[in-house]
PDB file of N, CA and C in Angstrom:
ATOM      1  N   MET A   1      90.375 -70.736 -53.890  1.00  0.00           N
ATOM      2  CA  MET A   1      89.203 -71.426 -53.369  1.00  0.00           C
ATOM      3  C   MET A   1      88.978 -71.073 -51.900  1.00  0.00           C
ATOM      4  N   THR A   2      90.048 -70.897 -51.174  1.00  0.00           N
ATOM      5  CA  THR A   2      89.922 -70.565 -49.753  1.00  0.00           C
ATOM      6  C   THR A   2      89.248 -69.210 -49.575  1.00  0.00           C
ATOM      7  N   SER A   3      89.580 -68.276 -50.457  1.00  0.00           N
ATOM      8  CA  SER A   3      88.977 -66.944 -50.374  1.00  0.00           C
ATOM      9  C   SER A   3      87.469 -67.014 -50.585  1.00  0.00           C
ATOM     10  N   LEU A   4      87.036 -67.851 -51.504  1.00  0.00           N
ATOM     11  CA  LEU A   4      85.612 -67.999 -51.777  1.00  0.00           C
ATOM     12  C   LEU A   4      84.894 -68.587 -50.568  1.00  0.00           C
ATOM     13  N   ILE A   5      85.468 -69.585 -49.952  1.00  0.00           N
ATOM     14  CA  ILE A   5      84.867 -70.195 -48.769  1.00  0.00           C
ATOM     15  C   ILE A   5      84.778 -69.188 -47.630  1.00  0.00           C
ATOM     16  N   LEU A   6      85.822 -68.391 -47.440  1.00  0.00           N
ATOM     17  CA  LEU A   6      85.799 -67.367 -46.401  1.00  0.00           C
ATOM     18  C   LEU A   6      84.743 -66.303 -46.693  1.00  0.00           C
ATOM     19  N   PHE A   7      84.625 -65.931 -47.956  1.00  0.00           N
ATOM     20  CA  PHE A   7      83.615 -64.937 -48.334  1.00  0.00           C
ATOM     21  C   PHE A   7      82.208 -65.469 -48.082  1.00  0.00           C
ATOM     22  N   ILE A   8      81.946 -66.698 -48.499  1.00  0.00           N
ATOM     23  CA  ILE A   8      80.622 -67.291 -48.294  1.00  0.00           C
ATOM     24  C   ILE A   8      80.327 -67.430 -46.808  1.00  0.00           C
ATOM     25  N   ASN A   9      81.308 -67.820 -46.036  1.00  0.00           N
ATOM     26  CA  ASN A   9      81.134 -67.942 -44.587  1.00  0.00           C
ATOM     27  C   ASN A   9      80.780 -66.591 -43.968  1.00  0.00           C
ATOM     28  N   SER A  10      81.501 -65.561 -44.354  1.00  0.00           N
ATOM     29  CA  SER A  10      81.238 -64.222 -43.847  1.00  0.00           C
ATOM     30  C   SER A  10      79.861 -63.728 -44.293  1.00  0.00           C
ATOM     31  N   PHE A  11      79.512 -63.962 -45.543  1.00  0.00           N
ATOM     32  CA  PHE A  11      78.219 -63.544 -46.072  1.00  0.00           C
ATOM     33  C   PHE A  11      77.080 -64.214 -45.321  1.00  0.00           C
ATOM     34  N   LEU A  12      77.186 -65.513 -45.101  1.00  0.00           N
ATOM     35  CA  LEU A  12      76.135 -66.233 -44.384  1.00  0.00           C
ATOM     36  C   LEU A  12      76.037 -65.776 -42.933  1.00  0.00           C
ATOM     37  N   SER A  13      77.157 -65.434 -42.352  1.00  0.00           N
ATOM     38  CA  SER A  13      77.156 -64.932 -40.979  1.00  0.00           C
ATOM     39  C   SER A  13      76.398 -63.609 -40.896  1.00  0.00           C
ATOM     40  N   TYR A  14      76.689 -62.679 -41.803  1.00  0.00           N
ATOM     41  CA  TYR A  14      75.983 -61.403 -41.817  1.00  0.00           C
ATOM     42  C   TYR A  14      74.510 -61.583 -42.181  1.00  0.00           C
ATOM     43  N   LEU A  15      74.211 -62.523 -43.053  1.00  0.00           N
ATOM     44  CA  LEU A  15      72.828 -62.808 -43.410  1.00  0.00           C
ATOM     45  C   LEU A  15      72.051 -63.306 -42.196  1.00  0.00           C
ATOM     46  N   LEU A  16      72.666 -64.159 -41.400  1.00  0.00           N
ATOM     47  CA  LEU A  16      72.030 -64.661 -40.190  1.00  0.00           C
ATOM     48  C   LEU A  16      71.773 -63.524 -39.194  1.00  0.00           C
ATOM     49  N   VAL A  17      72.731 -62.629 -39.030  1.00  0.00           N
ATOM     50  CA  VAL A  17      72.549 -61.480 -38.140  1.00  0.00           C
ATOM     51  C   VAL A  17      71.406 -60.607 -38.642  1.00  0.00           C
ATOM     52  N   PHE A  18      71.321 -60.401 -39.945  1.00  0.00           N
ATOM     53  CA  PHE A  18      70.248 -59.604 -40.538  1.00  0.00           C
ATOM     54  C   PHE A  18      68.886 -60.247 -40.288  1.00  0.00           C
ATOM     55  N   VAL A  19      68.786 -61.545 -40.497  1.00  0.00           N
ATOM     56  CA  VAL A  19      67.512 -62.249 -40.301  1.00  0.00           C
ATOM     57  C   VAL A  19      67.089 -62.190 -38.835  1.00  0.00           C
ATOM     58  N   VAL A  20      68.024 -62.362 -37.915  1.00  0.00           N
ATOM     59  CA  VAL A  20      67.700 -62.283 -36.490  1.00  0.00           C
ATOM     60  C   VAL A  20      67.258 -60.870 -36.122  1.00  0.00           C
ATOM     61  N   SER A  21      67.912 -59.873 -36.674  1.00  0.00           N
ATOM     62  CA  SER A  21      67.528 -58.480 -36.403  1.00  0.00           C
ATOM     63  C   SER A  21      66.114 -58.196 -36.899  1.00  0.00           C
ATOM     64  N   ILE A  22      65.789 -58.661 -38.081  1.00  0.00           N
ATOM     65  CA  ILE A  22      64.450 -58.477 -38.631  1.00  0.00           C
ATOM     66  C   ILE A  22      63.418 -59.200 -37.768  1.00  0.00           C
ATOM     67  N   ALA A  23      63.748 -60.394 -37.302  1.00  0.00           N
ATOM     68  CA  ALA A  23      62.820 -61.142 -36.456  1.00  0.00           C
ATOM     69  C   ALA A  23      62.564 -60.412 -35.137  1.00  0.00           C
ATOM     70  N   VAL A  24      63.620 -59.884 -34.525  1.00  0.00           N
ATOM     71  CA  VAL A  24      63.460 -59.140 -33.269  1.00  0.00           C
ATOM     72  C   VAL A  24      62.614 -57.889 -33.497  1.00  0.00           C
ATOM     73  N   ALA A  25      62.845 -57.187 -34.582  1.00  0.00           N
ATOM     74  CA  ALA A  25      62.051 -56.002 -34.897  1.00  0.00           C
ATOM     75  C   ALA A  25      60.587 -56.371 -35.129  1.00  0.00           C
ATOM     76  N   GLY A  26      60.342 -57.473 -35.800  1.00  0.00           N
ATOM     77  CA  GLY A  26      58.974 -57.930 -36.038  1.00  0.00           C
ATOM     78  C   GLY A  26      58.253 -58.271 -34.747  1.00  0.00           C
ATOM     79  N   VAL A  27      58.925 -58.957 -33.850  1.00  0.00           N
ATOM     80  CA  VAL A  27      58.328 -59.295 -32.556  1.00  0.00           C
ATOM     81  C   VAL A  27      58.043 -58.026 -31.760  1.00  0.00           C
ATOM     82  N   ALA A  28      58.955 -57.065 -31.802  1.00  0.00           N
ATOM     83  CA  ALA A  28      58.760 -55.806 -31.077  1.00  0.00           C
ATOM     84  C   ALA A  28      57.570 -55.037 -31.633  1.00  0.00           C
ATOM     85  N   MET A  29      57.419 -54.990 -32.955  1.00  0.00           N
ATOM     86  CA  MET A  29      56.281 -54.288 -33.549  1.00  0.00           C
ATOM     87  C   MET A  29      54.970 -54.981 -33.208  1.00  0.00           C
ATOM     88  N   PHE A  30      54.954 -56.301 -33.230  1.00  0.00           N
ATOM     89  CA  PHE A  30      53.750 -57.050 -32.887  1.00  0.00           C
ATOM     90  C   PHE A  30      53.365 -56.816 -31.437  1.00  0.00           C
ATOM     91  N   ALA A  31      54.339 -56.854 -30.535  1.00  0.00           N
ATOM     92  CA  ALA A  31      54.057 -56.622 -29.118  1.00  0.00           C
ATOM     93  C   ALA A  31      53.563 -55.197 -28.890  1.00  0.00           C
ATOM     94  N   GLY A  32      54.175 -54.228 -29.539  1.00  0.00           N
ATOM     95  CA  GLY A  32      53.740 -52.849 -29.408  1.00  0.00           C
ATOM     96  C   GLY A  32      52.327 -52.645 -29.917  1.00  0.00           C
ATOM     97  N   TYR A  33      52.001 -53.274 -31.010  1.00  0.00           N
ATOM     98  CA  TYR A  33      50.658 -53.168 -31.566  1.00  0.00           C
ATOM     99  C   TYR A  33      49.625 -53.764 -30.609  1.00  0.00           C
ATOM    100  N   LYS A  34      49.920 -54.953 -30.091  1.00  0.00           N
ATOM    101  CA  LYS A  34      48.985 -55.603 -29.177  1.00  0.00           C
ATOM    102  C   LYS A  34      48.804 -54.788 -27.900  1.00  0.00           C
ATOM    103  N   LEU A  35      49.883 -54.226 -27.375  1.00  0.00           N
ATOM    104  CA  LEU A  35      49.774 -53.404 -26.170  1.00  0.00           C
ATOM    105  C   LEU A  35      48.957 -52.144 -26.435  1.00  0.00           C
ATOM    106  N   ARG A  36      49.135 -51.537 -27.597  1.00  0.00           N
ATOM    107  CA  ARG A  36      48.390 -50.318 -27.928  1.00  0.00           C
ATOM    108  C   ARG A  36      46.906 -50.620 -28.076  1.00  0.00           C
ATOM    109  N   VAL A  37      46.567 -51.726 -28.725  1.00  0.00           N
ATOM    110  CA  VAL A  37      45.164 -52.104 -28.891  1.00  0.00           C
ATOM    111  C   VAL A  37      44.533 -52.352 -27.522  1.00  0.00           C
ATOM    112  N   ARG A  38      45.253 -53.026 -26.646  1.00  0.00           N
ATOM    113  CA  ARG A  38      44.744 -53.300 -25.307  1.00  0.00           C
ATOM    114  C   ARG A  38      44.531 -51.997 -24.533  1.00  0.00           C
ATOM    115  N   LYS A  39      45.465 -51.058 -24.645  1.00  0.00           N
ATOM    116  CA  LYS A  39      45.348 -49.778 -23.945  1.00  0.00           C
ATOM    117  C   LYS A  39      44.174 -48.966 -24.489  1.00  0.00           C
ATOM    118  N   ASP A  40      43.999 -48.958 -25.808  1.00  0.00           N
ATOM    119  CA  ASP A  40      42.883 -48.226 -26.399  1.00  0.00           C
ATOM    120  C   ASP A  40      41.543 -48.812 -25.953  1.00  0.00           C
ATOM    121  N   ALA A  41      41.453 -50.140 -25.879  1.00  0.00           N
ATOM    122  CA  ALA A  41      40.215 -50.777 -25.436  1.00  0.00           C
ATOM    123  C   ALA A  41      39.933 -50.440 -23.974  1.00  0.00           C
ATOM    124  N   LYS A  42      40.965 -50.427 -23.150  1.00  0.00           N
ATOM    125  CA  LYS A  42      40.801 -50.090 -21.741  1.00  0.00           C
ATOM    126  C   LYS A  42      40.363 -48.637 -21.582  1.00  0.00           C
ATOM    127  N   ASP A  43      40.967 -47.735 -22.335  1.00  0.00           N
ATOM    128  CA  ASP A  43      40.597 -46.320 -22.272  1.00  0.00           C
ATOM    129  C   ASP A  43      39.151 -46.107 -22.725  1.00  0.00           C
ATOM    130  N   ALA A  44      38.730 -46.814 -23.760  1.00  0.00           N
ATOM    131  CA  ALA A  44      37.359 -46.682 -24.249  1.00  0.00           C
ATOM    132  C   ALA A  44      36.378 -47.192 -23.201  1.00  0.00           C
ATOM    133  N   LEU A  45      36.720 -48.270 -22.536  1.00  0.00           N
ATOM    134  CA  LEU A  45      35.849 -48.815 -21.495  1.00  0.00           C
ATOM    135  C   LEU A  45      35.740 -47.851 -20.319  1.00  0.00           C
ATOM    136  N   LEU A  46      36.854 -47.255 -19.920  1.00  0.00           N
ATOM    137  CA  LEU A  46      36.824 -46.294 -18.818  1.00  0.00           C
ATOM    138  C   LEU A  46      36.011 -45.059 -19.187  1.00  0.00           C
ATOM    139  N   LYS A  47      36.155 -44.602 -20.422  1.00  0.00           N
ATOM    140  CA  LYS A  47      35.397 -43.434 -20.882  1.00  0.00           C
ATOM    141  C   LYS A  47      33.899 -43.739 -20.891  1.00  0.00           C
ATOM    142  N   GLU A  48      33.560 -44.944 -21.307  1.00  0.00           N
ATOM    143  CA  GLU A  48      32.164 -45.354 -21.343  1.00  0.00           C
ATOM    144  C   GLU A  48      31.595 -45.444 -19.925  1.00  0.00           C
ATOM    145  N   GLN A  49      32.368 -45.964 -19.000  1.00  0.00           N
ATOM    146  CA  GLN A  49      31.912 -46.060 -17.614  1.00  0.00           C
ATOM    147  C   GLN A  49      31.755 -44.670 -16.993  1.00  0.00           C
ATOM    148  N   GLU A  50      32.668 -43.767 -17.286  1.00  0.00           N
ATOM    149  CA  GLU A  50      32.554 -42.403 -16.772  1.00  0.00           C
ATOM    150  C   GLU A  50      31.322 -41.696 -17.322  1.00  0.00           C
ATOM    151  N   ALA A  51      31.002 -41.942 -18.590  1.00  0.00           N
ATOM    152  CA  ALA A  51      29.836 -41.334 -19.207  1.00  0.00           C
ATOM    153  C   ALA A  51      28.558 -41.872 -18.585  1.00  0.00           C
ATOM    154  N   SER A  52      28.523 -43.163 -18.294  1.00  0.00           N
ATOM    155  CA  SER A  52      27.315 -43.737 -17.710  1.00  0.00           C
ATOM    156  C   SER A  52      27.170 -43.350 -16.232  1.00  0.00           C
ATOM    157  N   ASP A  53      28.276 -43.120 -15.537  1.00  0.00           N
ATOM    158  CA  ASP A  53      28.225 -42.696 -14.141  1.00  0.00           C
ATOM    159  C   ASP A  53      27.781 -41.238 -14.015  1.00  0.00           C
ATOM    160  N   GLY A  54      28.084 -40.443 -15.008  1.00  0.00           N
ATOM    161  CA  GLY A  54      27.748 -39.032 -14.985  1.00  0.00           C
ATOM    162  C   GLY A  54      26.276 -38.748 -15.259  1.00  0.00           C
ATOM    163  N   GLN A  55      25.557 -39.718 -15.759  1.00  0.00           N
ATOM    164  CA  GLN A  55      24.138 -39.469 -16.114  1.00  0.00           C
ATOM    165  C   GLN A  55      23.239 -39.522 -14.956  1.00  0.00           C
TER     166      GLN A  55
END
């Protein structure tokens, strides 16, 4: 019985590490996506301003 409890304890510990790793990766992907969208919008605005200044 002790072996089973130790196994379950170890399994839950690794499961928790896995869930935290997935959460950190998800937050990183979301932040990267938001930063890229913001950069693309800024670049488009600058390009539009340069085009209107050149006319």
